[in-house]
Structure formats: C-alpha cells, structure tokens
C-alpha cells in the first residue's frame, strides 16, 4: 500500500479509500450489502493496508455508519485508521433534519458518533454546500466540533470553486478549522473539475478524494450502454448514473480505456484508477466494492504507471460536460 498526506495536513491516508455506501441495508438500495456480507470487505481492506474509510449519515439512513463502525472496531486498530463521514442530506421529515445549520451539524455529528461507536470522527465533511445557511454559521459549527474534540479534520464534498474559495477565506479570517479535503466528482469521463476546482485545491494544499472514480462502473466495463439496466443489480435502478453519464461521446472514453488496458494486459478499472492517481492534488480515489476482486484491482492500480502516450490516448476523446455534482 502507498500512503500520502491529505493535502497539506499531517493526516496520513492510504492512496485507496474504501467507499462504504455499498454497505448498510438492501432496504435502502437493492444492491447494498448488509453487515454480514460487508465484513469480508473491511477485513480484506485492512489486510491490504487500506486505512481510509468513507461513509455518510444518509447512506442507508445511518445503517452504513453502524456497519462501518462495527467492522472497523472488529478488524482495525482505530488509532491507525482514518474514518470519514458526511453531513447535509435529510435524515428525517422535520425542517431541522437536513442542511448545514449549526443545529443540524451538531446533532448530526452526535448521531454519527453514536452509530459509528467512536468518540471522534477523523474527517467530517459537508456532503454538499448549503445555500440556505450562511457559510460563517456552518464553519463556526464545524470549528466548534473540532475544538470539542469530536472531529479532527473537516472537508467538503462537491460544489463550485468559488464556494470552496469563500469557505477557505472565511475560515482563515476567523482562525477557524479549515477544509483539508475536497471529495468531488472526477474521473476520465467527467473532467470538468480540472477547470477550476482542481487548480484551486492544488494551490491551496487541499487533498482531492474523488467519488465515482470508475463512473458508476462504466470505466470498469460493468455497463454496456447508456441505458444498460441488466449488467449489474445496481444498473437495474441506477437512474442517477443515467443522468450523470448520458452523452454518446462518453463511450469514446470507455473505448480508449479498453484500448490501453488491452495493450497493457490489465483491467480497464486499473487503467482508469491509475490515471486518476496520477492527477494533481488527488490523494485517494474513493472506491466502492461489492466483489472482493474490486479491492484487488484498486490496489494493483497503485503500481501501474502510464506513459505520456497512454495518457494522451485516454484524455483525447473527452468532450466538455455540463456541471454535474
């Protein structure tokens, strides 16, 4: 396993992060693995040297945090791992059960701590920015959690570069805890983050931890068409993927990945992840796994070094997209 600091913070993370949205309850999504089925994935991740695990309160409406906490307490030494979760999306019907107000952030953090079974969350992230709440209120609440020892580092997930820049400025002016990471939508099919967000993160020392590094399986060869509803259990109902990746030109990128992978004698997923790992500011792609071999592929990608010619082949078919967070 390879490790790096998360941005310019002192937090050391494995260069592969295990995304835990896939673990919780199939009552939330039919492809989700329950606690018993998820245990081998955490065990294998720890044995592979992965020390970075990301979940969110809204995944399986809290059950993902419970499954993640139980498994990590069983297989890991908690002082050696980096446990990340997120806050914003609705956790109930009431008007204070979502968003980034001080009230919701504080009560959501308390609830996440209980579900995870820990005293402190290593990386607490806003799941999206909240235009209804002044950023000063949000950042002050997060800083309060840091000062209380309930959170060690804070991060953001998806948004516009101006929002991230504003947040960094507000934190610095007030002497508050500063975002150390950006969890954004970034892969070979969707590269709009390269226009503003990635350069901002590079300049400001923010670690980038991309979600959907394999474009919901498209870059791994798991989906066969734009309207694929049969190749995987997830594809049957994944309307989100069909909204995110709906351009015929996307398949030109998939073909380029397949071409490079075939010439190298490796899997398409390894190539797509190796490209992402080589990008500026990228610390650790967040990899979801519902088959144990998914973890093997992710770890192998760390040792795959692409040539400049291969990178040109992978990048040249790209066409601009609308912003999709």
Protein backbone atom coordinates (compact mmCIF):
# COMPACT_ATOMS: atom_id res chain seq x y z
CA UNK A 1 0.00 0.00 0.00
CA UNK A 2 1.08 3.56 -0.64
CA UNK A 3 0.28 6.45 1.70
CA UNK A 4 0.19 10.21 1.36
CA UNK A 5 -0.78 13.20 3.45
CA UNK A 6 -4.27 14.53 2.85
CA UNK A 7 -3.45 17.84 1.21
CA UNK A 8 -1.01 19.85 3.30
CA UNK A 9 -2.45 18.46 6.54
CA UNK A 10 -0.50 15.96 8.62
CA UNK A 11 -3.18 13.29 8.18
CA UNK A 12 -1.69 10.19 6.50
CA UNK A 13 -4.12 8.23 4.31
CA UNK A 14 -3.81 5.21 2.05
CA UNK A 15 -3.95 6.11 -1.62
CA UNK A 16 -7.08 3.98 -1.92
CA UNK A 17 -10.11 4.91 0.18
CA UNK A 18 -12.83 2.31 0.68
CA UNK A 19 -16.20 3.89 0.00
CA UNK A 20 -18.78 2.44 2.36
CA UNK A 21 -22.00 3.49 0.65
CA UNK A 22 -22.24 -0.12 -0.58
CA UNK A 23 -22.65 -1.41 2.99
CA UNK A 24 -25.77 -0.96 5.08
CA UNK A 25 -29.17 -2.39 4.25
CA UNK A 26 -30.66 -3.53 0.91
CA UNK A 27 -33.90 -1.92 2.05
CA UNK A 28 -32.28 1.40 1.05
CA UNK A 29 -30.95 0.19 -2.34
CA UNK A 30 -31.24 -3.43 -3.58
CA UNK A 31 -27.51 -3.73 -4.35
CA UNK A 32 -26.39 -2.74 -0.85
CA UNK A 33 -24.62 -5.44 1.22
CA UNK A 34 -25.77 -5.97 4.79
CA UNK A 35 -23.44 -6.16 7.77
CA UNK A 36 -22.60 -9.84 7.48
CA UNK A 37 -21.92 -9.62 3.75
CA UNK A 38 -19.82 -6.48 4.23
CA UNK A 39 -17.45 -7.90 6.88
CA UNK A 40 -15.04 -9.61 4.41
CA UNK A 41 -14.55 -6.33 2.54
CA UNK A 42 -13.38 -4.50 5.64
CA UNK A 43 -11.15 -7.40 6.61
CA UNK A 44 -9.57 -7.52 3.16
CA UNK A 45 -9.17 -3.74 3.06
CA UNK A 46 -7.32 -3.72 6.38
CA UNK A 47 -5.15 -6.67 5.32
CA UNK A 48 -4.33 -4.79 2.09
CA UNK A 49 -3.11 -1.77 4.05
CA UNK A 50 -6.09 0.48 3.39
CA UNK A 51 -6.51 2.83 6.35
CA UNK A 52 -9.02 5.29 4.86
CA UNK A 53 -12.78 4.63 5.04
CA UNK A 54 -15.53 6.99 3.90
CA UNK A 55 -19.25 6.86 4.63
CA UNK A 56 -22.11 9.33 5.26
CA UNK A 57 -25.02 9.59 7.64
CA UNK A 58 -27.58 9.38 4.83
CA UNK A 59 -26.23 6.12 3.35
CA UNK A 60 -28.86 3.52 4.27
CA UNK A 61 -30.21 6.23 6.63
CA UNK A 62 -27.48 5.60 9.18
CA UNK A 63 -27.05 1.86 8.79
CA UNK A 64 -23.87 2.29 6.71
CA UNK A 65 -22.27 4.08 9.66
CA UNK A 66 -23.34 1.28 12.01
CA UNK A 67 -21.96 -1.43 9.70
CA UNK A 68 -18.75 0.52 9.11
CA UNK A 69 -18.19 1.20 12.80
CA UNK A 70 -18.77 -2.41 13.85
CA UNK A 71 -16.47 -3.80 11.16
CA UNK A 72 -13.64 -1.38 11.85
CA UNK A 73 -13.82 -1.99 15.58
CA UNK A 74 -13.52 -5.71 14.82
CA UNK A 75 -10.75 -5.68 12.21
CA UNK A 76 -8.79 -2.46 12.72
CA UNK A 77 -6.94 -0.53 15.37
CA UNK A 78 -8.98 2.66 15.42
CA UNK A 79 -5.97 4.82 16.21
CA UNK A 80 -4.36 3.68 12.96
CA UNK A 81 -7.23 4.34 10.56
CA UNK A 82 -8.88 7.45 9.12
CA UNK A 83 -12.65 7.32 9.47
CA UNK A 84 -14.63 9.83 7.43
CA UNK A 85 -18.33 10.59 7.29
CA UNK A 86 -20.54 13.36 5.91
CA UNK A 87 -23.47 15.62 6.86
CA UNK A 88 -26.14 17.56 4.97
CA UNK A 89 -28.76 15.35 3.34
CA UNK A 90 -32.05 14.66 5.04
CA UNK A 91 -32.18 12.26 7.97
CA UNK A 92 -35.86 12.81 8.72
CA UNK A 93 -39.00 14.73 7.85
CA UNK A 94 -38.54 17.72 10.15
CA UNK A 95 -37.23 21.09 8.94
CA UNK A 96 -34.07 20.78 11.06
CA UNK A 97 -33.20 17.27 9.90
CA UNK A 98 -31.04 18.33 6.96
CA UNK A 99 -28.72 21.08 5.80
CA UNK A 100 -25.74 22.83 7.33
CA UNK A 101 -27.22 24.91 10.14
CA UNK A 102 -25.42 24.84 13.48
CA UNK A 103 -28.33 22.84 14.93
CA UNK A 104 -28.29 20.14 12.29
CA UNK A 105 -24.49 19.86 12.09
CA UNK A 106 -24.09 19.45 15.84
CA UNK A 107 -26.95 16.99 16.31
CA UNK A 108 -25.95 15.05 13.17
CA UNK A 109 -22.38 14.73 14.42
CA UNK A 110 -23.59 13.42 17.79
CA UNK A 111 -25.77 10.87 15.99
CA UNK A 112 -22.91 9.78 13.71
CA UNK A 113 -20.59 9.30 16.67
CA UNK A 114 -23.13 7.00 18.31
CA UNK A 115 -23.74 4.98 15.15
CA UNK A 116 -20.02 4.64 14.41
CA UNK A 117 -19.26 3.76 18.02
CA UNK A 118 -16.33 6.17 18.29
CA UNK A 119 -15.53 9.24 20.35
CA UNK A 120 -14.05 11.27 17.49
CA UNK A 121 -14.57 11.40 13.72
CA UNK A 122 -11.27 11.79 11.88
CA UNK A 123 -12.66 13.62 8.82
CA UNK A 124 -16.09 15.25 8.99
CA UNK A 125 -17.29 16.52 5.62
CA UNK A 126 -20.16 18.65 4.38
CA UNK A 127 -21.90 16.42 1.83
CA UNK A 128 -22.76 19.47 -0.31
CA UNK A 129 -22.72 23.22 0.27
CA UNK A 130 -25.99 24.68 1.61
CA UNK A 131 -27.03 28.00 0.05
CA UNK A 132 -29.76 28.47 2.70
CA UNK A 133 -27.26 28.84 5.52
CA UNK A 134 -24.51 31.48 5.85
CA UNK A 135 -21.14 29.81 5.36
CA UNK A 136 -20.00 31.55 8.55
CA UNK A 137 -22.58 29.60 10.58
CA UNK A 138 -21.57 26.30 9.01
CA UNK A 139 -17.85 26.81 9.51
CA UNK A 140 -18.26 28.08 13.07
CA UNK A 141 -20.25 24.95 13.95
CA UNK A 142 -17.60 22.70 12.39
CA UNK A 143 -14.84 24.56 14.23
CA UNK A 144 -16.77 24.10 17.47
CA UNK A 145 -16.79 20.33 16.90
CA UNK A 146 -13.04 20.39 16.30
CA UNK A 147 -12.42 22.40 19.47
CA UNK A 148 -14.58 19.97 21.45
CA UNK A 149 -12.56 17.00 20.20
CA UNK A 150 -15.49 15.40 18.40
CA UNK A 151 -13.93 15.97 14.97
CA UNK A 152 -10.24 16.06 13.99
CA UNK A 153 -10.33 17.44 10.44
CA UNK A 154 -13.05 18.89 8.20
CA UNK A 155 -13.64 18.57 4.47
CA UNK A 156 -16.10 19.40 1.73
CA UNK A 157 -17.80 17.38 -0.99
CA UNK A 158 -18.71 18.77 -4.41
CA UNK A 159 -19.57 22.35 -5.22
CA UNK A 160 -18.30 25.31 -7.17
CA UNK A 161 -14.74 26.54 -6.82
CA UNK A 162 -15.96 29.96 -5.67
CA UNK A 163 -17.81 28.29 -2.78
CA UNK A 164 -14.68 26.43 -1.73
CA UNK A 165 -12.55 29.57 -2.03
CA UNK A 166 -15.06 31.55 0.03
CA UNK A 167 -15.09 28.89 2.74
CA UNK A 168 -11.28 28.83 2.96
CA UNK A 169 -11.20 32.62 3.21
CA UNK A 170 -13.84 32.74 5.96
CA UNK A 171 -12.00 30.09 7.99
CA UNK A 172 -8.69 31.90 7.69
CA UNK A 173 -10.14 35.30 8.60
CA UNK A 174 -11.72 33.88 11.75
CA UNK A 175 -8.97 31.49 12.79
CA UNK A 176 -11.28 28.50 12.41
CA UNK A 177 -10.55 24.96 11.31
CA UNK A 178 -10.02 24.89 7.54
CA UNK A 179 -11.19 22.34 4.98
CA UNK A 180 -8.33 19.94 4.25
CA UNK A 181 -10.06 17.93 1.52
CA UNK A 182 -12.47 18.09 -1.39
CA UNK A 183 -14.48 14.97 -2.25
CA UNK A 184 -15.60 15.72 -5.79
CA UNK A 185 -16.95 14.06 -8.91
CA UNK A 186 -13.88 13.33 -11.03
CA UNK A 187 -12.97 10.58 -13.49
CA UNK A 188 -11.92 10.13 -17.12
CA UNK A 189 -15.49 10.65 -18.33
CA UNK A 190 -16.18 13.72 -16.17
CA UNK A 191 -13.22 16.12 -16.01
CA UNK A 192 -14.90 19.49 -15.55
CA UNK A 193 -13.24 19.73 -12.12
CA UNK A 194 -9.96 20.37 -13.93
CA UNK A 195 -11.14 23.84 -14.96
CA UNK A 196 -11.30 25.50 -11.54
CA UNK A 197 -11.66 23.16 -8.56
CA UNK A 198 -8.52 21.07 -9.08
CA UNK A 199 -6.26 24.12 -9.65
CA UNK A 200 -7.73 25.73 -6.53
CA UNK A 201 -7.08 22.61 -4.46
CA UNK A 202 -3.55 22.34 -5.84
CA UNK A 203 -2.79 25.98 -4.99
CA UNK A 204 -4.36 25.81 -1.52
CA UNK A 205 -2.99 22.43 -0.46
CA UNK A 206 -6.39 20.70 -0.41
CA UNK A 207 -6.39 16.92 -0.82
CA UNK A 208 -8.72 15.65 -3.55
CA UNK A 209 -10.57 12.38 -2.87
CA UNK A 210 -12.73 11.77 -5.96
CA UNK A 211 -16.05 9.97 -5.80
CA UNK A 212 -17.25 7.77 -8.67
CA UNK A 213 -13.69 7.20 -9.95
CA UNK A 214 -14.98 4.50 -12.32
CA UNK A 215 -18.07 6.43 -13.44
CA UNK A 216 -20.56 4.04 -11.79
CA UNK A 217 -18.81 1.08 -13.39
CA UNK A 218 -18.65 2.40 -16.95
CA UNK A 219 -14.86 2.70 -16.89
CA UNK A 220 -14.57 -0.81 -15.46
CA UNK A 221 -16.60 -2.35 -18.28
CA UNK A 222 -19.52 -3.15 -15.98
CA UNK A 223 -22.05 -1.27 -18.13
CA UNK A 224 -22.59 -1.91 -21.80
CA UNK A 225 -24.68 1.06 -22.97
CA UNK A 226 -26.14 4.38 -21.86
CA UNK A 227 -29.41 2.67 -20.96
CA UNK A 228 -27.93 -0.52 -19.52
CA UNK A 229 -30.34 -1.98 -16.95
CA UNK A 230 -29.24 -5.60 -16.93
CA UNK A 231 -25.47 -5.98 -16.44
CA UNK A 232 -25.49 -5.49 -12.66
CA UNK A 233 -28.03 -5.33 -9.87
CA UNK A 234 -27.07 -1.67 -9.37
CA UNK A 235 -27.59 -0.86 -13.06
CA UNK A 236 -31.21 -2.03 -12.86
CA UNK A 237 -32.29 1.03 -10.86
CA UNK A 238 -29.40 3.48 -11.07
CA UNK A 239 -31.21 6.47 -12.54
CA UNK A 240 -28.52 8.73 -11.09
CA UNK A 241 -25.89 7.15 -13.34
CA UNK A 242 -28.07 7.63 -16.40
CA UNK A 243 -28.38 11.34 -15.57
CA UNK A 244 -24.66 11.75 -14.90
CA UNK A 245 -23.36 9.86 -17.92
CA UNK A 246 -25.77 10.40 -20.79
CA UNK A 247 -23.55 11.55 -23.66
CA UNK A 248 -22.68 9.20 -26.55
CA UNK A 249 -19.18 10.69 -26.51
CA UNK A 250 -18.64 9.12 -23.09
CA UNK A 251 -18.27 5.77 -24.80
CA UNK A 252 -15.32 7.05 -26.81
CA UNK A 253 -13.51 7.46 -23.50
CA UNK A 254 -14.54 3.96 -22.42
CA UNK A 255 -13.15 2.57 -25.69
CA UNK A 256 -9.86 4.42 -25.15
CA UNK A 257 -9.55 2.90 -21.67
CA UNK A 258 -10.26 -0.55 -23.09
CA UNK A 259 -7.60 0.03 -25.77
CA UNK A 260 -4.89 0.96 -23.28
CA UNK A 261 -5.90 -1.85 -20.91
CA UNK A 262 -5.82 -4.42 -23.70
CA UNK A 263 -2.36 -3.35 -24.81
CA UNK A 264 -1.09 -3.49 -21.22
CA UNK A 265 -2.80 -6.77 -20.38
CA UNK A 266 -4.54 -5.28 -17.35
CA UNK A 267 -8.15 -4.50 -16.49
CA UNK A 268 -9.89 -1.32 -17.61
CA UNK A 269 -10.54 -0.40 -13.97
CA UNK A 270 -6.80 -0.50 -13.23
CA UNK A 271 -6.11 1.91 -16.08
CA UNK A 272 -8.87 4.34 -15.08
CA UNK A 273 -7.71 4.37 -11.46
CA UNK A 274 -4.03 4.66 -12.40
CA UNK A 275 -4.86 7.75 -14.49
CA UNK A 276 -6.74 9.31 -11.59
CA UNK A 277 -3.96 8.54 -9.12
CA UNK A 278 -1.53 10.41 -11.37
CA UNK A 279 -3.57 13.64 -11.40
CA UNK A 280 -2.55 16.77 -9.48
CA UNK A 281 -3.83 17.04 -5.89
CA UNK A 282 -5.51 13.60 -5.97
CA UNK A 283 -4.77 11.84 -2.69
CA UNK A 284 -7.08 8.82 -2.80
CA UNK A 285 -9.95 7.83 -5.10
CA UNK A 286 -12.97 6.57 -3.17
CA UNK A 287 -13.52 3.04 -4.44
CA UNK A 288 -16.74 1.14 -3.85
CA UNK A 289 -16.53 -2.65 -3.73
CA UNK A 290 -19.28 -5.25 -3.86
CA UNK A 291 -16.95 -8.04 -5.03
CA UNK A 292 -13.68 -8.78 -3.28
CA UNK A 293 -11.79 -8.62 -6.57
CA UNK A 294 -12.75 -4.93 -6.80
CA UNK A 295 -10.30 -4.30 -3.95
CA UNK A 296 -7.57 -6.34 -5.65
CA UNK A 297 -7.95 -4.27 -8.81
CA UNK A 298 -7.80 -0.99 -6.89
CA UNK A 299 -4.60 -1.98 -5.10
CA UNK A 300 -2.98 -3.15 -8.35
CA UNK A 301 -3.66 0.25 -9.90
CA UNK A 302 -1.18 1.81 -7.48
CA UNK A 303 1.71 0.15 -9.30
CA UNK A 304 0.51 0.88 -12.83
CA UNK A 305 2.43 3.83 -14.29
CA UNK A 306 1.01 5.17 -17.53
CA UNK A 307 3.20 6.62 -20.27
CA UNK A 308 2.59 10.08 -21.68
CA UNK A 309 1.38 8.46 -24.89
CA UNK A 310 -1.12 6.33 -22.99
CA UNK A 311 -2.37 9.37 -21.08
CA UNK A 312 -2.87 11.22 -24.36
CA UNK A 313 -4.87 8.25 -25.69
CA UNK A 314 -7.05 8.27 -22.58
CA UNK A 315 -7.64 12.02 -22.48
CA UNK A 316 -8.04 12.94 -26.16
CA UNK A 317 -11.64 11.64 -26.66
CA UNK A 318 -13.01 13.84 -23.84
CA UNK A 319 -15.75 16.35 -24.66
CA UNK A 320 -17.00 19.06 -22.25
CA UNK A 321 -19.96 18.32 -19.98
CA UNK A 322 -22.39 20.40 -18.05
CA UNK A 323 -21.55 20.74 -14.36
CA UNK A 324 -22.74 17.64 -12.54
CA UNK A 325 -22.27 17.47 -8.78
